[in-house]
Amino acid sequence: MGTIKNQMKDAYEVMETISSEHVKDDYDLFGEQLAMKLREFDEHTRAIVMNEINYIIFLAESNLL
């Protein structure tokens, strides 16, 4: 049982190292900026804006832009 705990601990430490090494790029920063702006809206407006953003992404993924 101790070995499984040690393996789990080792795996967790590897995951922590990998996640802490991630350097934020422009996309991360844009996502954070978008999240800050979304938080300013009331729930109804936020739902509409998020739906519109998702629709634009859908169009782009479908090569319809």
PDB file of N, CA and C in Angstrom:
ATOM      1  N   MET A   1       0.829  -1.195   0.000  1.00  0.00           N
ATOM      2  CA  MET A   1       0.000   0.000   0.000  1.00  0.00           C
ATOM      3  C   MET A   1       0.868   1.252   0.000  1.00  0.00           C
ATOM      4  N   GLY A   2       2.002   1.192   0.701  1.00  0.00           N
ATOM      5  CA  GLY A   2       2.900   2.341   0.754  1.00  0.00           C
ATOM      6  C   GLY A   2       3.439   2.701  -0.620  1.00  0.00           C
ATOM      7  N   THR A   3       3.673   1.697  -1.457  1.00  0.00           N
ATOM      8  CA  THR A   3       4.208   1.982  -2.794  1.00  0.00           C
ATOM      9  C   THR A   3       3.199   2.743  -3.641  1.00  0.00           C
ATOM     10  N   ILE A   4       1.944   2.401  -3.558  1.00  0.00           N
ATOM     11  CA  ILE A   4       0.927   3.108  -4.336  1.00  0.00           C
ATOM     12  C   ILE A   4       0.852   4.559  -3.881  1.00  0.00           C
ATOM     13  N   LYS A   5       0.912   4.783  -2.572  1.00  0.00           N
ATOM     14  CA  LYS A   5       0.894   6.151  -2.057  1.00  0.00           C
ATOM     15  C   LYS A   5       2.105   6.928  -2.555  1.00  0.00           C
ATOM     16  N   ASN A   6       3.259   6.267  -2.558  1.00  0.00           N
ATOM     17  CA  ASN A   6       4.473   6.929  -3.048  1.00  0.00           C
ATOM     18  C   ASN A   6       4.367   7.240  -4.536  1.00  0.00           C
ATOM     19  N   GLN A   7       3.816   6.313  -5.302  1.00  0.00           N
ATOM     20  CA  GLN A   7       3.647   6.549  -6.738  1.00  0.00           C
ATOM     21  C   GLN A   7       2.681   7.696  -6.986  1.00  0.00           C
ATOM     22  N   MET A   8       1.610   7.734  -6.219  1.00  0.00           N
ATOM     23  CA  MET A   8       0.642   8.812  -6.348  1.00  0.00           C
ATOM     24  C   MET A   8       1.293  10.156  -6.004  1.00  0.00           C
ATOM     25  N   LYS A   9       2.079  10.159  -4.949  1.00  0.00           N
ATOM     26  CA  LYS A   9       2.768  11.380  -4.532  1.00  0.00           C
ATOM     27  C   LYS A   9       3.742  11.826  -5.614  1.00  0.00           C
ATOM     28  N   ASP A  10       4.502  10.885  -6.159  1.00  0.00           N
ATOM     29  CA  ASP A  10       5.453  11.207  -7.234  1.00  0.00           C
ATOM     30  C   ASP A  10       4.727  11.753  -8.452  1.00  0.00           C
ATOM     31  N   ALA A  11       3.622  11.121  -8.831  1.00  0.00           N
ATOM     32  CA  ALA A  11       2.853  11.580  -9.991  1.00  0.00           C
ATOM     33  C   ALA A  11       2.314  12.986  -9.748  1.00  0.00           C
ATOM     34  N   TYR A  12       1.848  13.231  -8.544  1.00  0.00           N
ATOM     35  CA  TYR A  12       1.323  14.556  -8.216  1.00  0.00           C
ATOM     36  C   TYR A  12       2.432  15.607  -8.305  1.00  0.00           C
ATOM     37  N   GLU A  13       3.601  15.276  -7.805  1.00  0.00           N
ATOM     38  CA  GLU A  13       4.722  16.219  -7.852  1.00  0.00           C
ATOM     39  C   GLU A  13       5.128  16.517  -9.289  1.00  0.00           C
ATOM     40  N   VAL A  14       5.094  15.510 -10.165  1.00  0.00           N
ATOM     41  CA  VAL A  14       5.410  15.725 -11.577  1.00  0.00           C
ATOM     42  C   VAL A  14       4.377  16.655 -12.195  1.00  0.00           C
ATOM     43  N   MET A  15       3.103  16.422 -11.901  1.00  0.00           N
ATOM     44  CA  MET A  15       2.040  17.266 -12.446  1.00  0.00           C
ATOM     45  C   MET A  15       2.179  18.703 -11.940  1.00  0.00           C
ATOM     46  N   GLU A  16       2.516  18.870 -10.682  1.00  0.00           N
ATOM     47  CA  GLU A  16       2.718  20.207 -10.125  1.00  0.00           C
ATOM     48  C   GLU A  16       3.871  20.915 -10.827  1.00  0.00           C
ATOM     49  N   THR A  17       4.944  20.205 -11.068  1.00  0.00           N
ATOM     50  CA  THR A  17       6.105  20.784 -11.748  1.00  0.00           C
ATOM     51  C   THR A  17       5.738  21.220 -13.155  1.00  0.00           C
ATOM     52  N   ILE A  18       5.043  20.364 -13.867  1.00  0.00           N
ATOM     53  CA  ILE A  18       4.651  20.683 -15.241  1.00  0.00           C
ATOM     54  C   ILE A  18       3.729  21.895 -15.266  1.00  0.00           C
ATOM     55  N   SER A  19       2.741  21.926 -14.386  1.00  0.00           N
ATOM     56  CA  SER A  19       1.786  23.039 -14.401  1.00  0.00           C
ATOM     57  C   SER A  19       2.438  24.341 -13.957  1.00  0.00           C
ATOM     58  N   SER A  20       3.416  24.283 -13.088  1.00  0.00           N
ATOM     59  CA  SER A  20       4.061  25.512 -12.635  1.00  0.00           C
ATOM     60  C   SER A  20       5.051  26.036 -13.668  1.00  0.00           C
ATOM     61  N   GLU A  21       5.456  25.197 -14.622  1.00  0.00           N
ATOM     62  CA  GLU A  21       6.393  25.614 -15.661  1.00  0.00           C
ATOM     63  C   GLU A  21       5.687  26.269 -16.837  1.00  0.00           C
ATOM     64  N   HIS A  22       4.364  26.218 -16.875  1.00  0.00           N
ATOM     65  CA  HIS A  22       3.615  26.798 -17.989  1.00  0.00           C
ATOM     66  C   HIS A  22       3.781  28.306 -17.985  1.00  0.00           C
ATOM     67  N   VAL A  23       4.253  28.833 -19.089  1.00  0.00           N
ATOM     68  CA  VAL A  23       4.397  30.270 -19.235  1.00  0.00           C
ATOM     69  C   VAL A  23       3.157  30.788 -19.971  1.00  0.00           C
ATOM     70  N   LYS A  24       2.542  31.800 -19.403  1.00  0.00           N
ATOM     71  CA  LYS A  24       1.335  32.346 -20.020  1.00  0.00           C
ATOM     72  C   LYS A  24       1.671  32.996 -21.353  1.00  0.00           C
ATOM     73  N   ASP A  25       0.875  32.670 -22.358  1.00  0.00           N
ATOM     74  CA  ASP A  25       1.045  33.294 -23.659  1.00  0.00           C
ATOM     75  C   ASP A  25      -0.108  34.262 -23.901  1.00  0.00           C
ATOM     76  N   ASP A  26      -0.160  34.836 -25.096  1.00  0.00           N
ATOM     77  CA  ASP A  26      -1.200  35.810 -25.417  1.00  0.00           C
ATOM     78  C   ASP A  26      -2.603  35.231 -25.264  1.00  0.00           C
ATOM     79  N   TYR A  27      -2.753  33.936 -25.550  1.00  0.00           N
ATOM     80  CA  TYR A  27      -4.070  33.304 -25.471  1.00  0.00           C
ATOM     81  C   TYR A  27      -4.529  33.173 -24.025  1.00  0.00           C
ATOM     82  N   ASP A  28      -3.610  32.830 -23.133  1.00  0.00           N
ATOM     83  CA  ASP A  28      -3.940  32.767 -21.708  1.00  0.00           C
ATOM     84  C   ASP A  28      -4.381  34.142 -21.208  1.00  0.00           C
ATOM     85  N   LEU A  29      -3.611  35.154 -21.581  1.00  0.00           N
ATOM     86  CA  LEU A  29      -3.922  36.509 -21.128  1.00  0.00           C
ATOM     87  C   LEU A  29      -5.251  36.992 -21.699  1.00  0.00           C
ATOM     88  N   PHE A  30      -5.512  36.662 -22.956  1.00  0.00           N
ATOM     89  CA  PHE A  30      -6.794  37.046 -23.560  1.00  0.00           C
ATOM     90  C   PHE A  30      -7.946  36.368 -22.829  1.00  0.00           C
ATOM     91  N   GLY A  31      -7.779  35.095 -22.501  1.00  0.00           N
ATOM     92  CA  GLY A  31      -8.814  34.367 -21.770  1.00  0.00           C
ATOM     93  C   GLY A  31      -9.081  34.981 -20.408  1.00  0.00           C
ATOM     94  N   GLU A  32      -8.024  35.384 -19.719  1.00  0.00           N
ATOM     95  CA  GLU A  32      -8.190  36.020 -18.413  1.00  0.00           C
ATOM     96  C   GLU A  32      -8.883  37.371 -18.552  1.00  0.00           C
ATOM     97  N   GLN A  33      -8.504  38.135 -19.579  1.00  0.00           N
ATOM     98  CA  GLN A  33      -9.147  39.425 -19.815  1.00  0.00           C
ATOM     99  C   GLN A  33     -10.627  39.239 -20.134  1.00  0.00           C
ATOM    100  N   LEU A  34     -10.931  38.256 -20.962  1.00  0.00           N
ATOM    101  CA  LEU A  34     -12.319  37.961 -21.307  1.00  0.00           C
ATOM    102  C   LEU A  34     -13.114  37.570 -20.061  1.00  0.00           C
ATOM    103  N   ALA A  35     -12.517  36.747 -19.212  1.00  0.00           N
ATOM    104  CA  ALA A  35     -13.189  36.330 -17.979  1.00  0.00           C
ATOM    105  C   ALA A  35     -13.481  37.527 -17.085  1.00  0.00           C
ATOM    106  N   MET A  36     -12.533  38.452 -16.987  1.00  0.00           N
ATOM    107  CA  MET A  36     -12.761  39.648 -16.165  1.00  0.00           C
ATOM    108  C   MET A  36     -13.930  40.465 -16.707  1.00  0.00           C
ATOM    109  N   LYS A  37     -13.989  40.601 -18.017  1.00  0.00           N
ATOM    110  CA  LYS A  37     -15.078  41.374 -18.623  1.00  0.00           C
ATOM    111  C   LYS A  37     -16.419  40.663 -18.434  1.00  0.00           C
ATOM    112  N   LEU A  38     -16.438  39.344 -18.585  1.00  0.00           N
ATOM    113  CA  LEU A  38     -17.683  38.590 -18.414  1.00  0.00           C
ATOM    114  C   LEU A  38     -18.229  38.726 -17.000  1.00  0.00           C
ATOM    115  N   ARG A  39     -17.345  38.780 -16.022  1.00  0.00           N
ATOM    116  CA  ARG A  39     -17.777  38.892 -14.628  1.00  0.00           C
ATOM    117  C   ARG A  39     -18.505  40.206 -14.346  1.00  0.00           C
ATOM    118  N   GLU A  40     -18.299  41.203 -15.200  1.00  0.00           N
ATOM    119  CA  GLU A  40     -18.934  42.509 -14.993  1.00  0.00           C
ATOM    120  C   GLU A  40     -20.408  42.516 -15.398  1.00  0.00           C
ATOM    121  N   PHE A  41     -20.832  41.533 -16.204  1.00  0.00           N
ATOM    122  CA  PHE A  41     -22.205  41.494 -16.700  1.00  0.00           C
ATOM    123  C   PHE A  41     -23.131  40.779 -15.713  1.00  0.00           C
ATOM    124  N   ASP A  42     -24.414  41.121 -15.811  1.00  0.00           N
ATOM    125  CA  ASP A  42     -25.393  40.358 -15.046  1.00  0.00           C
ATOM    126  C   ASP A  42     -25.511  38.972 -15.687  1.00  0.00           C
ATOM    127  N   GLU A  43     -26.127  38.050 -14.985  1.00  0.00           N
ATOM    128  CA  GLU A  43     -26.186  36.654 -15.414  1.00  0.00           C
ATOM    129  C   GLU A  43     -26.801  36.481 -16.808  1.00  0.00           C
ATOM    130  N   HIS A  44     -27.878  37.205 -17.082  1.00  0.00           N
ATOM    131  CA  HIS A  44     -28.563  37.089 -18.369  1.00  0.00           C
ATOM    132  C   HIS A  44     -27.673  37.572 -19.522  1.00  0.00           C
ATOM    133  N   THR A  45     -27.098  38.764 -19.350  1.00  0.00           N
ATOM    134  CA  THR A  45     -26.227  39.321 -20.389  1.00  0.00           C
ATOM    135  C   THR A  45     -25.012  38.433 -20.595  1.00  0.00           C
ATOM    136  N   ARG A  46     -24.430  37.937 -19.496  1.00  0.00           N
ATOM    137  CA  ARG A  46     -23.263  37.052 -19.582  1.00  0.00           C
ATOM    138  C   ARG A  46     -23.596  35.811 -20.394  1.00  0.00           C
ATOM    139  N   ALA A  47     -24.768  35.231 -20.175  1.00  0.00           N
ATOM    140  CA  ALA A  47     -25.163  34.025 -20.918  1.00  0.00           C
ATOM    141  C   ALA A  47     -25.265  34.323 -22.411  1.00  0.00           C
ATOM    142  N   ILE A  48     -25.814  35.471 -22.757  1.00  0.00           N
ATOM    143  CA  ILE A  48     -25.939  35.847 -24.171  1.00  0.00           C
ATOM    144  C   ILE A  48     -24.556  36.062 -24.789  1.00  0.00           C
ATOM    145  N   VAL A  49     -23.697  36.787 -24.093  1.00  0.00           N
ATOM    146  CA  VAL A  49     -22.355  37.066 -24.618  1.00  0.00           C
ATOM    147  C   VAL A  49     -21.574  35.763 -24.787  1.00  0.00           C
ATOM    148  N   MET A  50     -21.646  34.881 -23.811  1.00  0.00           N
ATOM    149  CA  MET A  50     -20.935  33.607 -23.910  1.00  0.00           C
ATOM    150  C   MET A  50     -21.457  32.773 -25.070  1.00  0.00           C
ATOM    151  N   ASN A  51     -22.774  32.800 -25.281  1.00  0.00           N
ATOM    152  CA  ASN A  51     -23.370  32.081 -26.402  1.00  0.00           C
ATOM    153  C   ASN A  51     -22.855  32.628 -27.730  1.00  0.00           C
ATOM    154  N   GLU A  52     -22.778  33.944 -27.843  1.00  0.00           N
ATOM    155  CA  GLU A  52     -22.287  34.574 -29.069  1.00  0.00           C
ATOM    156  C   GLU A  52     -20.819  34.218 -29.323  1.00  0.00           C
ATOM    157  N   ILE A  53     -20.020  34.229 -28.269  1.00  0.00           N
ATOM    158  CA  ILE A  53     -18.604  33.855 -28.407  1.00  0.00           C
ATOM    159  C   ILE A  53     -18.494  32.415 -28.883  1.00  0.00           C
ATOM    160  N   ASN A  54     -19.267  31.530 -28.269  1.00  0.00           N
ATOM    161  CA  ASN A  54     -19.246  30.124 -28.678  1.00  0.00           C
ATOM    162  C   ASN A  54     -19.708  29.952 -30.120  1.00  0.00           C
ATOM    163  N   TYR A  55     -20.665  30.765 -30.546  1.00  0.00           N
ATOM    164  CA  TYR A  55     -21.148  30.691 -31.923  1.00  0.00           C
ATOM    165  C   TYR A  55     -20.056  31.128 -32.905  1.00  0.00           C
ATOM    166  N   ILE A  56     -19.333  32.174 -32.566  1.00  0.00           N
ATOM    167  CA  ILE A  56     -18.225  32.624 -33.417  1.00  0.00           C
ATOM    168  C   ILE A  56     -17.158  31.536 -33.523  1.00  0.00           C
ATOM    169  N   ILE A  57     -16.854  30.893 -32.417  1.00  0.00           N
ATOM    170  CA  ILE A  57     -15.873  29.802 -32.436  1.00  0.00           C
ATOM    171  C   ILE A  57     -16.387  28.657 -33.301  1.00  0.00           C
ATOM    172  N   PHE A  58     -17.671  28.336 -33.179  1.00  0.00           N
ATOM    173  CA  PHE A  58     -18.276  27.300 -34.015  1.00  0.00           C
ATOM    174  C   PHE A  58     -18.117  27.648 -35.495  1.00  0.00           C
ATOM    175  N   LEU A  59     -18.420  28.892 -35.858  1.00  0.00           N
ATOM    176  CA  LEU A  59     -18.282  29.315 -37.245  1.00  0.00           C
ATOM    177  C   LEU A  59     -16.835  29.181 -37.726  1.00  0.00           C
ATOM    178  N   ALA A  60     -15.897  29.574 -36.893  1.00  0.00           N
ATOM    179  CA  ALA A  60     -14.494  29.466 -37.266  1.00  0.00           C
ATOM    180  C   ALA A  60     -14.068  28.010 -37.440  1.00  0.00           C
ATOM    181  N   GLU A  61     -14.504  27.150 -36.528  1.00  0.00           N
ATOM    182  CA  GLU A  61     -14.163  25.727 -36.631  1.00  0.00           C
ATOM    183  C   GLU A  61     -14.809  25.060 -37.845  1.00  0.00           C
ATOM    184  N   SER A  62     -15.928  25.620 -38.280  1.00  0.00           N
ATOM    185  CA  SER A  62     -16.644  25.068 -39.437  1.00  0.00           C
ATOM    186  C   SER A  62     -16.223  25.740 -40.741  1.00  0.00           C
ATOM    187  N   ASN A  63     -15.204  26.592 -40.657  1.00  0.00           N
ATOM    188  CA  ASN A  63     -14.723  27.343 -41.827  1.00  0.00           C
ATOM    189  C   ASN A  63     -15.824  28.165 -42.474  1.00  0.00           C
ATOM    190  N   LEU A  64     -16.676  28.746 -41.651  1.00  0.00           N
ATOM    191  CA  LEU A  64     -17.794  29.539 -42.164  1.00  0.00           C
ATOM    192  C   LEU A  64     -17.581  31.038 -41.958  1.00  0.00           C
ATOM    193  N   LEU A  65     -16.432  31.420 -41.496  1.00  0.00           N
ATOM    194  CA  LEU A  65     -16.155  32.867 -41.308  1.00  0.00           C
ATOM    195  C   LEU A  65     -15.546  33.442 -42.562  1.00  0.00           C
TER     196      LEU A  65
END
